[in-house]
């Protein structure tokens, strides 16, 4: 699912999508839809059968397991080191 599609869904729920990552935006939408905000955390099993992001969730979780997920944490830690 593309970010533009997520922004349309977020707007329907009154969620501001500006500056949010795809993962964080999906998690906010999950809460608005009555699901747990667990996108990308299912390793082998997910009991949220009604969640529209269930198939994508497993793909995202595999990225975390393989260590290929890009996060903003690296950028923040570099900034802190420069400021010190």
Protein backbone atom coordinates (compact mmCIF):
# COMPACT_ATOMS: atom_id res chain seq x y z
CA UNK A 1 0.00 0.00 0.00
CA UNK A 2 1.37 3.37 -0.97
CA UNK A 3 1.69 6.33 1.36
CA UNK A 4 -0.81 8.34 -0.69
CA UNK A 5 -3.45 5.66 -0.12
CA UNK A 6 -2.70 5.72 3.60
CA UNK A 7 -3.09 9.49 3.69
CA UNK A 8 -6.56 9.20 2.17
CA UNK A 9 -7.56 6.62 4.79
CA UNK A 10 -6.04 8.71 7.59
CA UNK A 11 -7.97 11.76 6.45
CA UNK A 12 -11.22 9.77 6.64
CA UNK A 13 -10.49 9.15 10.32
CA UNK A 14 -9.35 12.71 11.01
CA UNK A 15 -5.71 11.69 11.46
CA UNK A 16 -3.01 14.16 10.48
CA UNK A 17 -0.49 12.28 8.33
CA UNK A 18 2.07 15.06 8.00
CA UNK A 19 5.60 14.01 8.97
CA UNK A 20 4.68 10.48 9.99
CA UNK A 21 6.33 7.32 8.80
CA UNK A 22 4.30 4.68 7.04
CA UNK A 23 4.50 2.39 10.07
CA UNK A 24 3.40 5.07 12.54
CA UNK A 25 0.56 6.19 10.30
CA UNK A 26 -0.72 2.64 9.88
CA UNK A 27 -0.60 2.15 13.66
CA UNK A 28 -2.72 5.26 14.22
CA UNK A 29 -5.20 4.09 11.61
CA UNK A 30 -5.31 0.67 13.28
CA UNK A 31 -6.38 2.29 16.55
CA UNK A 32 -9.04 4.36 14.76
CA UNK A 33 -10.38 1.17 13.14
CA UNK A 34 -10.62 -0.62 16.49
CA UNK A 35 -7.54 -2.82 16.18
CA UNK A 36 -4.36 -2.96 18.21
CA UNK A 37 -1.58 -0.65 17.04
CA UNK A 38 0.74 -3.55 16.33
CA UNK A 39 1.68 -3.13 12.66
CA UNK A 40 4.97 -4.85 11.88
CA UNK A 41 5.25 -6.65 15.20
CA UNK A 42 3.73 -10.03 14.28
CA UNK A 43 6.47 -12.60 13.86
CA UNK A 44 4.56 -15.75 13.01
CA UNK A 45 1.01 -15.23 14.21
CA UNK A 46 -1.55 -12.45 14.24
CA UNK A 47 -5.02 -12.72 15.77
CA UNK A 48 -6.28 -9.47 14.23
CA UNK A 49 -8.22 -11.11 11.40
CA UNK A 50 -10.25 -8.01 10.60
CA UNK A 51 -7.25 -5.73 10.14
CA UNK A 52 -6.78 -4.52 6.57
CA UNK A 53 -3.00 -4.33 7.09
CA UNK A 54 -2.58 -7.95 8.19
CA UNK A 55 -0.85 -9.15 4.99
CA UNK A 56 1.51 -6.14 4.96
CA UNK A 57 2.24 -6.61 8.64
CA UNK A 58 4.08 -9.88 8.15
CA UNK A 59 6.26 -8.36 5.43
CA UNK A 60 7.15 -5.47 7.71
CA UNK A 61 7.91 -7.82 10.61
CA UNK A 62 10.29 -9.81 8.39
CA UNK A 63 12.27 -6.61 7.77
CA UNK A 64 12.74 -6.19 11.52
CA UNK A 65 13.80 -9.80 11.99
CA UNK A 66 16.36 -9.58 9.17
CA UNK A 67 17.65 -6.28 10.52
CA UNK A 68 16.92 -4.43 7.29
CA UNK A 69 14.42 -1.96 8.70
CA UNK A 70 15.34 1.69 8.44
CA UNK A 71 14.46 3.82 11.43
CA UNK A 72 14.91 7.42 12.37
CA UNK A 73 16.82 6.37 15.50
CA UNK A 74 20.14 6.41 13.69
CA UNK A 75 19.61 9.98 12.53
CA UNK A 76 18.69 11.15 16.02
CA UNK A 77 21.70 9.49 17.64
CA UNK A 78 24.03 11.14 15.09
CA UNK A 79 22.55 14.54 15.92
CA UNK A 80 23.09 13.96 19.62
CA UNK A 81 26.72 13.02 19.06
CA UNK A 82 27.35 16.19 17.05
CA UNK A 83 25.75 18.35 19.71
CA UNK A 84 27.96 16.87 22.46
